[in-house]
Amino acid sequence: MTDRKDIDLAGLRVRLEERRADILAHSEHSENHRKPVELDQQAVGRLSRMDALQNQQMHLEQERRRAAELSRIEKTLTRMENDAYGHCHNCGDPIETKRLEFDPTTPLCVECANHVSHG
C-alpha cells in the first residue's frame, strides 16, 4: 500500500470511507432542498419565495462543497491503492504524520502547501 510505516493506513482508510458514506447520506437527504423553487404567486408570498431561493442556494453550495470533498477522498483512496499515499505531490517528500492524521486527504507537505498559498 505505501512504504510509510509511521502512518496508520488502515485507520485512515476507515476514516475516509466513513466520511464518504456520511457525505453521500447528507447529499441524498438534501436533494429536495436543491430542486428549483416554485414561483407560483398564489402558492408562496414574495418574501417566502426569497427565503426559499436563499435556502436553495445554501443547499447548492453545501452540495458543491460535499462534491469537492468526495473528490478529494476518492483521489486519496486511489493514492493509497497506488502506493503513492503519504508523499507530497510536488516534491515527493514524506508528508508529516500529524498533517495526515489531521487531514488524510492532503496531497502536499507543509512547505509546498505554503508555496501554493503564498505564491
N, C-alpha and C. Protein backbone atom coordinates (compact mmCIF):
# COMPACT_ATOMS: atom_id res chain seq x y z
N MET A 1 0.82 -1.20 0.00
CA MET A 1 0.00 0.00 0.00
C MET A 1 0.86 1.26 0.00
N THR A 2 1.77 1.37 0.94
CA THR A 2 2.68 2.51 0.98
C THR A 2 3.92 2.07 1.73
N ASP A 3 5.02 2.74 1.47
CA ASP A 3 6.25 2.40 2.18
C ASP A 3 6.33 3.09 3.53
N ARG A 4 5.33 3.89 3.86
CA ARG A 4 5.31 4.62 5.12
C ARG A 4 4.87 3.69 6.25
N LYS A 5 5.77 3.46 7.19
CA LYS A 5 5.46 2.60 8.35
C LYS A 5 5.00 3.44 9.53
N ASP A 6 5.13 4.77 9.41
CA ASP A 6 4.81 5.67 10.52
C ASP A 6 3.37 6.15 10.50
N ILE A 7 2.57 5.67 9.54
CA ILE A 7 1.17 6.09 9.48
C ILE A 7 0.26 4.87 9.59
N ASP A 8 -0.90 5.09 10.18
CA ASP A 8 -1.90 4.04 10.32
C ASP A 8 -2.79 4.06 9.08
N LEU A 9 -2.31 3.45 8.01
CA LEU A 9 -3.01 3.48 6.74
C LEU A 9 -4.41 2.89 6.84
N ALA A 10 -4.54 1.77 7.54
CA ALA A 10 -5.86 1.13 7.68
C ALA A 10 -6.82 2.05 8.43
N GLY A 11 -6.36 2.67 9.48
CA GLY A 11 -7.20 3.58 10.25
C GLY A 11 -7.63 4.80 9.43
N LEU A 12 -6.69 5.35 8.66
CA LEU A 12 -7.02 6.49 7.81
C LEU A 12 -8.01 6.10 6.72
N ARG A 13 -7.84 4.90 6.17
CA ARG A 13 -8.76 4.43 5.14
C ARG A 13 -10.18 4.30 5.70
N VAL A 14 -10.30 3.76 6.91
CA VAL A 14 -11.61 3.62 7.56
C VAL A 14 -12.24 5.00 7.76
N ARG A 15 -11.45 5.96 8.24
CA ARG A 15 -11.97 7.33 8.42
C ARG A 15 -12.47 7.90 7.11
N LEU A 16 -11.71 7.71 6.04
CA LEU A 16 -12.10 8.24 4.73
C LEU A 16 -13.37 7.57 4.21
N GLU A 17 -13.46 6.27 4.36
CA GLU A 17 -14.64 5.55 3.89
C GLU A 17 -15.88 5.93 4.70
N GLU A 18 -15.71 6.13 6.01
CA GLU A 18 -16.84 6.57 6.83
C GLU A 18 -17.28 7.98 6.45
N ARG A 19 -16.32 8.85 6.19
CA ARG A 19 -16.64 10.22 5.80
C ARG A 19 -17.35 10.22 4.44
N ARG A 20 -16.89 9.39 3.52
CA ARG A 20 -17.52 9.29 2.20
C ARG A 20 -18.98 8.86 2.35
N ALA A 21 -19.24 7.86 3.19
CA ALA A 21 -20.61 7.39 3.41
C ALA A 21 -21.47 8.48 4.03
N ASP A 22 -20.90 9.24 4.97
CA ASP A 22 -21.62 10.34 5.61
C ASP A 22 -21.98 11.42 4.60
N ILE A 23 -21.05 11.77 3.75
CA ILE A 23 -21.29 12.80 2.73
C ILE A 23 -22.39 12.35 1.77
N LEU A 24 -22.31 11.12 1.33
CA LEU A 24 -23.32 10.60 0.40
C LEU A 24 -24.71 10.59 1.04
N ALA A 25 -24.77 10.26 2.33
CA ALA A 25 -26.07 10.26 3.02
C ALA A 25 -26.62 11.68 3.12
N HIS A 26 -25.77 12.66 3.46
CA HIS A 26 -26.22 14.05 3.54
C HIS A 26 -26.66 14.56 2.17
N SER A 27 -25.93 14.18 1.14
CA SER A 27 -26.26 14.62 -0.20
C SER A 27 -27.63 14.11 -0.62
N GLU A 28 -27.90 12.86 -0.33
CA GLU A 28 -29.19 12.27 -0.67
C GLU A 28 -30.31 12.93 0.13
N HIS A 29 -30.04 13.20 1.40
CA HIS A 29 -31.04 13.81 2.29
C HIS A 29 -31.41 15.23 1.84
N SER A 30 -30.45 15.99 1.33
CA SER A 30 -30.71 17.39 1.00
C SER A 30 -31.12 17.59 -0.46
N GLU A 31 -31.32 16.51 -1.20
CA GLU A 31 -31.66 16.61 -2.63
C GLU A 31 -32.90 17.46 -2.87
N ASN A 32 -33.95 17.29 -2.06
CA ASN A 32 -35.18 18.06 -2.25
C ASN A 32 -34.97 19.56 -2.08
N HIS A 33 -34.04 19.94 -1.23
CA HIS A 33 -33.79 21.36 -0.96
C HIS A 33 -33.07 22.05 -2.12
N ARG A 34 -32.48 21.27 -3.03
CA ARG A 34 -31.75 21.85 -4.16
C ARG A 34 -32.61 21.95 -5.42
N LYS A 35 -33.83 21.44 -5.37
CA LYS A 35 -34.72 21.49 -6.53
C LYS A 35 -35.14 22.93 -6.82
N PRO A 36 -35.53 23.22 -8.06
CA PRO A 36 -35.99 24.58 -8.40
C PRO A 36 -37.14 25.03 -7.50
N VAL A 37 -37.12 26.32 -7.19
CA VAL A 37 -38.13 26.91 -6.31
C VAL A 37 -39.37 27.25 -7.12
N GLU A 38 -40.52 26.87 -6.59
CA GLU A 38 -41.82 27.16 -7.23
C GLU A 38 -42.05 28.67 -7.22
N LEU A 39 -42.42 29.23 -8.37
CA LEU A 39 -42.63 30.67 -8.48
C LEU A 39 -44.10 31.06 -8.62
N ASP A 40 -44.98 30.20 -8.22
CA ASP A 40 -46.41 30.48 -8.28
C ASP A 40 -46.76 31.56 -7.25
N GLN A 41 -47.24 32.72 -7.72
CA GLN A 41 -47.55 33.86 -6.84
C GLN A 41 -48.60 33.48 -5.79
N GLN A 42 -49.53 32.64 -6.18
CA GLN A 42 -50.60 32.28 -5.25
C GLN A 42 -50.12 31.30 -4.17
N ALA A 43 -49.16 30.45 -4.52
CA ALA A 43 -48.73 29.41 -3.59
C ALA A 43 -47.80 29.96 -2.51
N VAL A 44 -46.95 30.91 -2.87
CA VAL A 44 -45.95 31.39 -1.94
C VAL A 44 -45.84 32.90 -2.06
N GLY A 45 -45.79 33.59 -0.94
CA GLY A 45 -45.61 35.04 -0.96
C GLY A 45 -44.21 35.41 -1.40
N ARG A 46 -44.02 36.69 -1.73
CA ARG A 46 -42.73 37.17 -2.25
C ARG A 46 -41.59 36.91 -1.26
N LEU A 47 -41.77 37.26 0.00
CA LEU A 47 -40.71 37.04 0.99
C LEU A 47 -40.43 35.56 1.19
N SER A 48 -41.47 34.77 1.18
CA SER A 48 -41.28 33.32 1.33
C SER A 48 -40.50 32.76 0.15
N ARG A 49 -40.77 33.26 -1.06
CA ARG A 49 -40.02 32.82 -2.25
C ARG A 49 -38.55 33.22 -2.12
N MET A 50 -38.32 34.45 -1.63
CA MET A 50 -36.93 34.90 -1.46
C MET A 50 -36.22 34.02 -0.44
N ASP A 51 -36.89 33.69 0.64
CA ASP A 51 -36.31 32.78 1.63
C ASP A 51 -36.04 31.41 1.01
N ALA A 52 -36.98 30.94 0.22
CA ALA A 52 -36.82 29.63 -0.43
C ALA A 52 -35.65 29.65 -1.40
N LEU A 53 -35.49 30.74 -2.17
CA LEU A 53 -34.36 30.85 -3.10
C LEU A 53 -33.03 30.90 -2.36
N GLN A 54 -33.00 31.65 -1.26
CA GLN A 54 -31.77 31.72 -0.47
C GLN A 54 -31.45 30.36 0.13
N ASN A 55 -32.45 29.68 0.63
CA ASN A 55 -32.27 28.34 1.20
C ASN A 55 -31.75 27.38 0.12
N GLN A 56 -32.33 27.48 -1.07
CA GLN A 56 -31.89 26.62 -2.18
C GLN A 56 -30.41 26.88 -2.49
N GLN A 57 -30.01 28.15 -2.55
CA GLN A 57 -28.62 28.49 -2.85
C GLN A 57 -27.67 27.96 -1.79
N MET A 58 -28.09 28.03 -0.53
CA MET A 58 -27.25 27.49 0.54
C MET A 58 -27.07 25.98 0.37
N HIS A 59 -28.13 25.29 0.03
CA HIS A 59 -28.04 23.84 -0.17
C HIS A 59 -27.20 23.49 -1.40
N LEU A 60 -27.30 24.30 -2.45
CA LEU A 60 -26.48 24.07 -3.63
C LEU A 60 -25.00 24.25 -3.30
N GLU A 61 -24.66 25.27 -2.52
CA GLU A 61 -23.27 25.50 -2.12
C GLU A 61 -22.78 24.37 -1.23
N GLN A 62 -23.61 23.90 -0.31
CA GLN A 62 -23.23 22.77 0.53
C GLN A 62 -22.97 21.54 -0.32
N GLU A 63 -23.79 21.34 -1.33
CA GLU A 63 -23.60 20.19 -2.22
C GLU A 63 -22.31 20.32 -3.02
N ARG A 64 -21.99 21.54 -3.46
CA ARG A 64 -20.73 21.77 -4.18
C ARG A 64 -19.54 21.42 -3.28
N ARG A 65 -19.62 21.82 -2.03
CA ARG A 65 -18.53 21.52 -1.09
C ARG A 65 -18.43 20.02 -0.80
N ARG A 66 -19.59 19.36 -0.69
CA ARG A 66 -19.58 17.91 -0.49
C ARG A 66 -18.95 17.21 -1.69
N ALA A 67 -19.28 17.67 -2.89
CA ALA A 67 -18.71 17.06 -4.10
C ALA A 67 -17.20 17.25 -4.14
N ALA A 68 -16.72 18.42 -3.76
CA ALA A 68 -15.28 18.67 -3.73
C ALA A 68 -14.59 17.76 -2.72
N GLU A 69 -15.22 17.61 -1.54
CA GLU A 69 -14.64 16.73 -0.52
C GLU A 69 -14.66 15.28 -0.98
N LEU A 70 -15.74 14.86 -1.61
CA LEU A 70 -15.81 13.50 -2.14
C LEU A 70 -14.70 13.26 -3.15
N SER A 71 -14.45 14.23 -4.00
CA SER A 71 -13.38 14.12 -4.99
C SER A 71 -12.03 13.94 -4.31
N ARG A 72 -11.77 14.74 -3.26
CA ARG A 72 -10.51 14.61 -2.53
C ARG A 72 -10.40 13.23 -1.88
N ILE A 73 -11.50 12.74 -1.33
CA ILE A 73 -11.48 11.41 -0.70
C ILE A 73 -11.19 10.33 -1.73
N GLU A 74 -11.87 10.39 -2.88
CA GLU A 74 -11.65 9.38 -3.93
C GLU A 74 -10.21 9.40 -4.42
N LYS A 75 -9.66 10.60 -4.63
CA LYS A 75 -8.26 10.70 -5.07
C LYS A 75 -7.31 10.14 -4.02
N THR A 76 -7.63 10.38 -2.76
CA THR A 76 -6.78 9.87 -1.67
C THR A 76 -6.83 8.35 -1.62
N LEU A 77 -8.02 7.78 -1.73
CA LEU A 77 -8.14 6.31 -1.73
C LEU A 77 -7.39 5.71 -2.91
N THR A 78 -7.42 6.39 -4.05
CA THR A 78 -6.66 5.92 -5.22
C THR A 78 -5.16 5.97 -4.94
N ARG A 79 -4.69 7.07 -4.32
CA ARG A 79 -3.27 7.16 -3.97
C ARG A 79 -2.88 6.05 -3.02
N MET A 80 -3.78 5.70 -2.10
CA MET A 80 -3.50 4.61 -1.17
C MET A 80 -3.33 3.30 -1.93
N GLU A 81 -4.21 3.06 -2.90
CA GLU A 81 -4.14 1.83 -3.69
C GLU A 81 -2.89 1.78 -4.57
N ASN A 82 -2.42 2.94 -5.02
CA ASN A 82 -1.30 3.00 -5.96
C ASN A 82 0.05 3.24 -5.28
N ASP A 83 0.12 3.02 -3.98
CA ASP A 83 1.36 3.18 -3.22
C ASP A 83 1.93 4.59 -3.27
N ALA A 84 1.10 5.58 -3.51
CA ALA A 84 1.58 6.95 -3.59
C ALA A 84 1.16 7.77 -2.38
N TYR A 85 0.48 7.16 -1.43
CA TYR A 85 -0.06 7.90 -0.30
C TYR A 85 1.04 8.28 0.69
N GLY A 86 0.90 9.50 1.21
CA GLY A 86 1.81 9.96 2.25
C GLY A 86 3.00 10.73 1.73
N HIS A 87 3.08 10.90 0.43
CA HIS A 87 4.17 11.65 -0.18
C HIS A 87 3.61 12.85 -0.93
N CYS A 88 4.33 13.96 -0.84
CA CYS A 88 3.91 15.22 -1.45
C CYS A 88 3.83 15.10 -2.97
N HIS A 89 2.74 15.64 -3.54
CA HIS A 89 2.58 15.65 -5.00
C HIS A 89 3.65 16.48 -5.69
N ASN A 90 4.10 17.56 -5.03
CA ASN A 90 5.06 18.46 -5.67
C ASN A 90 6.49 17.99 -5.55
N CYS A 91 6.94 17.75 -4.32
CA CYS A 91 8.36 17.46 -4.12
C CYS A 91 8.66 15.99 -3.88
N GLY A 92 7.64 15.19 -3.54
CA GLY A 92 7.84 13.76 -3.31
C GLY A 92 8.30 13.41 -1.91
N ASP A 93 8.56 14.42 -1.08
CA ASP A 93 8.97 14.15 0.30
C ASP A 93 7.79 13.60 1.10
N PRO A 94 8.09 12.88 2.18
CA PRO A 94 7.01 12.39 3.05
C PRO A 94 6.25 13.56 3.68
N ILE A 95 4.93 13.42 3.74
CA ILE A 95 4.09 14.40 4.43
C ILE A 95 4.09 14.03 5.90
N GLU A 96 4.21 15.04 6.77
CA GLU A 96 4.27 14.76 8.21
C GLU A 96 3.06 13.94 8.66
N THR A 97 3.32 12.99 9.55
CA THR A 97 2.29 12.10 10.06
C THR A 97 1.14 12.87 10.70
N LYS A 98 1.46 13.88 11.51
CA LYS A 98 0.40 14.66 12.17
C LYS A 98 -0.46 15.39 11.15
N ARG A 99 0.14 15.84 10.06
CA ARG A 99 -0.63 16.52 9.00
C ARG A 99 -1.62 15.54 8.36
N LEU A 100 -1.17 14.32 8.11
CA LEU A 100 -2.04 13.30 7.52
C LEU A 100 -3.15 12.89 8.49
N GLU A 101 -2.82 12.82 9.77
CA GLU A 101 -3.84 12.46 10.77
C GLU A 101 -4.90 13.56 10.86
N PHE A 102 -4.47 14.83 10.75
CA PHE A 102 -5.41 15.94 10.81
C PHE A 102 -6.30 15.98 9.57
N ASP A 103 -5.68 15.84 8.39
CA ASP A 103 -6.42 15.83 7.13
C ASP A 103 -5.85 14.75 6.23
N PRO A 104 -6.43 13.56 6.27
CA PRO A 104 -5.91 12.44 5.48
C PRO A 104 -5.90 12.69 3.97
N THR A 105 -6.65 13.69 3.50
CA THR A 105 -6.72 13.94 2.05
C THR A 105 -5.67 14.92 1.55
N THR A 106 -4.85 15.46 2.43
CA THR A 106 -3.89 16.46 1.98
C THR A 106 -2.85 15.85 1.05
N PRO A 107 -2.65 16.47 -0.12
CA PRO A 107 -1.68 15.92 -1.07
C PRO A 107 -0.31 16.59 -1.00
N LEU A 108 -0.17 17.62 -0.15
CA LEU A 108 1.07 18.40 -0.11
C LEU A 108 1.69 18.44 1.27
N CYS A 109 3.01 18.50 1.32
CA CYS A 109 3.70 18.74 2.58
C CYS A 109 3.49 20.20 2.97
N VAL A 110 3.83 20.55 4.18
CA VAL A 110 3.61 21.91 4.68
C VAL A 110 4.35 22.93 3.82
N GLU A 111 5.60 22.64 3.49
CA GLU A 111 6.39 23.60 2.72
C GLU A 111 5.79 23.87 1.35
N CYS A 112 5.39 22.84 0.63
CA CYS A 112 4.77 23.02 -0.69
C CYS A 112 3.42 23.69 -0.57
N ALA A 113 2.64 23.35 0.46
CA ALA A 113 1.34 23.98 0.66
C ALA A 113 1.51 25.47 0.91
N ASN A 114 2.55 25.85 1.66
CA ASN A 114 2.81 27.28 1.91
C ASN A 114 3.20 28.00 0.63
N HIS A 115 3.96 27.34 -0.24
CA HIS A 115 4.33 27.96 -1.52
C HIS A 115 3.12 28.17 -2.40
N VAL A 116 2.20 27.21 -2.39
CA VAL A 116 0.98 27.31 -3.20
C VAL A 116 0.10 28.45 -2.69
N SER A 117 -0.07 28.54 -1.37
CA SER A 117 -0.98 29.55 -0.80
C SER A 117 -0.37 30.95 -0.82
N HIS A 118 0.95 31.06 -0.85
CA HIS A 118 1.59 32.37 -0.85
C HIS A 118 2.18 32.74 -2.20
N GLY A 119 2.11 31.80 -3.12
CA GLY A 119 2.74 32.03 -4.43
C GLY A 119 1.88 32.73 -5.34
